[in-house]
């Protein structure tokens, strides 16, 4: 990702390290250079550059990549209603455990999180 920081092109001595009193023109040495370094690439630009390499030939839809259909329940807002939703998941591998849930309860903490009573819930 190449991040660099900027500094004045012709840095002058710091007013604090000088024995003479600071002048009114000393603030000009603190301004950024007119041109950023060549290797400056913010994360968003780097991500866009990587995404340009993807084509429809090498990118699959989630339903194509993970053909197993499943369903679950989720909290989508503060209402406390947990609607069911369908999603795709990968096939169970040889080191995975595959089981069917016949009965399920809910933890009281899940109720607090679902209603965002602690202010840290991220809804999907």
C-alpha atoms as a PDB file:
ATOM      1  CA  UNK A   1       0.000   0.000   0.000  1.00  0.00           C
ATOM      2  CA  UNK A   2       2.716   2.698  -0.058  1.00  0.00           C
ATOM      3  CA  UNK A   3       1.951   5.444   2.429  1.00  0.00           C
ATOM      4  CA  UNK A   4       4.246   8.393   2.900  1.00  0.00           C
ATOM      5  CA  UNK A   5       4.019  11.557   4.909  1.00  0.00           C
ATOM      6  CA  UNK A   6       4.650  15.037   3.625  1.00  0.00           C
ATOM      7  CA  UNK A   7       7.163  17.526   4.876  1.00  0.00           C
ATOM      8  CA  UNK A   8       8.246  20.963   3.658  1.00  0.00           C
ATOM      9  CA  UNK A   9      10.422  20.747   0.546  1.00  0.00           C
ATOM     10  CA  UNK A  10      12.978  23.167   1.965  1.00  0.00           C
ATOM     11  CA  UNK A  11      12.581  22.831   5.705  1.00  0.00           C
ATOM     12  CA  UNK A  12      13.805  25.735   7.723  1.00  0.00           C
ATOM     13  CA  UNK A  13      15.123  25.333  11.256  1.00  0.00           C
ATOM     14  CA  UNK A  14      12.428  25.033  13.869  1.00  0.00           C
ATOM     15  CA  UNK A  15      11.629  28.327  15.634  1.00  0.00           C
ATOM     16  CA  UNK A  16      12.000  26.466  18.942  1.00  0.00           C
ATOM     17  CA  UNK A  17      15.569  25.383  18.192  1.00  0.00           C
ATOM     18  CA  UNK A  18      16.661  28.852  17.144  1.00  0.00           C
ATOM     19  CA  UNK A  19      18.013  31.366  19.630  1.00  0.00           C
ATOM     20  CA  UNK A  20      16.472  34.260  17.699  1.00  0.00           C
ATOM     21  CA  UNK A  21      12.804  35.169  18.186  1.00  0.00           C
ATOM     22  CA  UNK A  22      10.382  33.697  15.627  1.00  0.00           C
ATOM     23  CA  UNK A  23       9.461  35.958  12.752  1.00  0.00           C
ATOM     24  CA  UNK A  24       6.060  36.343  11.137  1.00  0.00           C
ATOM     25  CA  UNK A  25       7.261  34.468   8.031  1.00  0.00           C
ATOM     26  CA  UNK A  26       8.146  31.296   9.998  1.00  0.00           C
ATOM     27  CA  UNK A  27       4.595  29.910   9.638  1.00  0.00           C
ATOM     28  CA  UNK A  28       5.101  29.488   5.875  1.00  0.00           C
ATOM     29  CA  UNK A  29       7.523  26.605   6.504  1.00  0.00           C
ATOM     30  CA  UNK A  30       4.676  24.590   8.062  1.00  0.00           C
ATOM     31  CA  UNK A  31       2.515  24.480   4.924  1.00  0.00           C
ATOM     32  CA  UNK A  32       2.327  21.246   2.898  1.00  0.00           C
ATOM     33  CA  UNK A  33       4.222  20.979  -0.375  1.00  0.00           C
ATOM     34  CA  UNK A  34       2.365  21.850  -3.541  1.00  0.00           C
ATOM     35  CA  UNK A  35       2.796  18.303  -4.871  1.00  0.00           C
ATOM     36  CA  UNK A  36       2.286  14.987  -3.045  1.00  0.00           C
ATOM     37  CA  UNK A  37       4.916  12.253  -3.375  1.00  0.00           C
ATOM     38  CA  UNK A  38       4.452   9.831  -6.273  1.00  0.00           C
ATOM     39  CA  UNK A  39       3.994   6.749  -4.090  1.00  0.00           C
ATOM     40  CA  UNK A  40       1.055   8.249  -2.141  1.00  0.00           C
ATOM     41  CA  UNK A  41      -1.922   5.895  -2.550  1.00  0.00           C
ATOM     42  CA  UNK A  42      -4.845   6.070  -0.125  1.00  0.00           C
ATOM     43  CA  UNK A  43      -6.594   2.768   0.641  1.00  0.00           C
ATOM     44  CA  UNK A  44      -9.575   3.574  -1.596  1.00  0.00           C
ATOM     45  CA  UNK A  45      -7.398   4.252  -4.641  1.00  0.00           C
ATOM     46  CA  UNK A  46      -5.415   1.065  -4.012  1.00  0.00           C
ATOM     47  CA  UNK A  47      -8.645  -0.913  -3.738  1.00  0.00           C
ATOM     48  CA  UNK A  48      -9.982   0.512  -7.020  1.00  0.00           C
ATOM     49  CA  UNK A  49      -6.727  -0.411  -8.750  1.00  0.00           C
ATOM     50  CA  UNK A  50      -7.084  -3.996  -7.523  1.00  0.00           C
ATOM     51  CA  UNK A  51     -10.752  -4.180  -8.563  1.00  0.00           C
ATOM     52  CA  UNK A  52      -9.903  -3.154 -12.136  1.00  0.00           C
ATOM     53  CA  UNK A  53      -8.224  -6.562 -12.542  1.00  0.00           C
ATOM     54  CA  UNK A  54     -11.481  -8.431 -11.904  1.00  0.00           C
ATOM     55  CA  UNK A  55     -13.664  -9.435 -14.822  1.00  0.00           C
ATOM     56  CA  UNK A  56     -16.967 -11.268 -15.006  1.00  0.00           C
ATOM     57  CA  UNK A  57     -14.956 -14.372 -15.971  1.00  0.00           C
ATOM     58  CA  UNK A  58     -13.165 -14.665 -12.624  1.00  0.00           C
ATOM     59  CA  UNK A  59     -15.840 -13.281 -10.262  1.00  0.00           C
ATOM     60  CA  UNK A  60     -18.787 -15.443  -9.242  1.00  0.00           C
ATOM     61  CA  UNK A  61     -22.046 -14.461  -7.600  1.00  0.00           C
ATOM     62  CA  UNK A  62     -22.349 -15.698  -3.998  1.00  0.00           C
ATOM     63  CA  UNK A  63     -25.143 -18.060  -5.101  1.00  0.00           C
ATOM     64  CA  UNK A  64     -22.825 -19.610  -7.715  1.00  0.00           C
ATOM     65  CA  UNK A  65     -19.795 -19.859  -5.440  1.00  0.00           C
ATOM     66  CA  UNK A  66     -21.788 -21.191  -2.449  1.00  0.00           C
ATOM     67  CA  UNK A  67     -24.744 -23.167  -3.856  1.00  0.00           C
ATOM     68  CA  UNK A  68     -26.035 -24.579  -0.539  1.00  0.00           C
ATOM     69  CA  UNK A  69     -29.228 -22.801   0.466  1.00  0.00           C
ATOM     70  CA  UNK A  70     -29.812 -21.994   4.125  1.00  0.00           C
ATOM     71  CA  UNK A  71     -31.978 -19.752   6.272  1.00  0.00           C
ATOM     72  CA  UNK A  72     -31.665 -17.995   9.583  1.00  0.00           C
ATOM     73  CA  UNK A  73     -33.026 -15.141  11.665  1.00  0.00           C
ATOM     74  CA  UNK A  74     -31.509 -11.734  12.185  1.00  0.00           C
ATOM     75  CA  UNK A  75     -32.108  -8.427  13.919  1.00  0.00           C
ATOM     76  CA  UNK A  76     -32.387  -5.822  11.170  1.00  0.00           C
ATOM     77  CA  UNK A  77     -33.405  -2.871  13.342  1.00  0.00           C
ATOM     78  CA  UNK A  78     -34.190  -1.808  16.907  1.00  0.00           C
ATOM     79  CA  UNK A  79     -37.790  -3.150  16.800  1.00  0.00           C
ATOM     80  CA  UNK A  80     -36.845  -6.519  18.308  1.00  0.00           C
ATOM     81  CA  UNK A  81     -38.535  -8.404  15.456  1.00  0.00           C
ATOM     82  CA  UNK A  82     -36.214 -11.067  14.033  1.00  0.00           C
ATOM     83  CA  UNK A  83     -37.397 -11.952  10.516  1.00  0.00           C
ATOM     84  CA  UNK A  84     -36.131 -15.055   8.762  1.00  0.00           C
ATOM     85  CA  UNK A  85     -33.864 -14.629   5.761  1.00  0.00           C
ATOM     86  CA  UNK A  86     -32.346 -16.896   3.115  1.00  0.00           C
ATOM     87  CA  UNK A  87     -28.648 -17.020   2.282  1.00  0.00           C
ATOM     88  CA  UNK A  88     -26.093 -19.215   0.502  1.00  0.00           C
ATOM     89  CA  UNK A  89     -23.241 -20.974   2.237  1.00  0.00           C
ATOM     90  CA  UNK A  90     -20.341 -23.164   1.226  1.00  0.00           C
ATOM     91  CA  UNK A  91     -20.539 -26.929   1.386  1.00  0.00           C
ATOM     92  CA  UNK A  92     -19.347 -28.590   4.576  1.00  0.00           C
ATOM     93  CA  UNK A  93     -15.758 -29.781   4.237  1.00  0.00           C
ATOM     94  CA  UNK A  94     -14.128 -32.925   5.589  1.00  0.00           C
ATOM     95  CA  UNK A  95     -13.016 -31.088   8.757  1.00  0.00           C
ATOM     96  CA  UNK A  96     -16.409 -29.401   9.328  1.00  0.00           C
ATOM     97  CA  UNK A  97     -19.219 -30.666  11.536  1.00  0.00           C
ATOM     98  CA  UNK A  98     -22.631 -30.739   9.861  1.00  0.00           C
ATOM     99  CA  UNK A  99     -25.710 -31.051  12.066  1.00  0.00           C
ATOM    100  CA  UNK A 100     -29.396 -30.179  12.028  1.00  0.00           C
ATOM    101  CA  UNK A 101     -30.783 -27.948  14.793  1.00  0.00           C
ATOM    102  CA  UNK A 102     -34.157 -29.231  15.995  1.00  0.00           C
ATOM    103  CA  UNK A 103     -34.717 -26.873  18.941  1.00  0.00           C
ATOM    104  CA  UNK A 104     -33.152 -23.551  19.787  1.00  0.00           C
ATOM    105  CA  UNK A 105     -33.331 -21.017  22.584  1.00  0.00           C
ATOM    106  CA  UNK A 106     -32.126 -17.459  22.792  1.00  0.00           C
ATOM    107  CA  UNK A 107     -29.768 -15.921  25.307  1.00  0.00           C
ATOM    108  CA  UNK A 108     -31.054 -12.891  27.216  1.00  0.00           C
ATOM    109  CA  UNK A 109     -27.936 -10.973  26.127  1.00  0.00           C
ATOM    110  CA  UNK A 110     -29.078 -11.454  22.516  1.00  0.00           C
ATOM    111  CA  UNK A 111     -32.289  -9.592  23.378  1.00  0.00           C
ATOM    112  CA  UNK A 112     -30.293  -6.621  24.696  1.00  0.00           C
ATOM    113  CA  UNK A 113     -28.045  -6.629  21.622  1.00  0.00           C
ATOM    114  CA  UNK A 114     -31.003  -6.992  19.250  1.00  0.00           C
ATOM    115  CA  UNK A 115     -32.641  -3.884  20.689  1.00  0.00           C
ATOM    116  CA  UNK A 116     -29.317  -1.976  20.791  1.00  0.00           C
ATOM    117  CA  UNK A 117     -29.727  -1.338  24.505  1.00  0.00           C
ATOM    118  CA  UNK A 118     -25.954  -1.019  24.919  1.00  0.00           C
ATOM    119  CA  UNK A 119     -25.451   1.151  21.823  1.00  0.00           C
ATOM    120  CA  UNK A 120     -22.994  -1.141  20.029  1.00  0.00           C
ATOM    121  CA  UNK A 121     -25.236  -3.200  17.709  1.00  0.00           C
ATOM    122  CA  UNK A 122     -24.481  -3.225  13.987  1.00  0.00           C
ATOM    123  CA  UNK A 123     -27.539  -4.250  11.983  1.00  0.00           C
ATOM    124  CA  UNK A 124     -27.238  -6.042   8.670  1.00  0.00           C
END
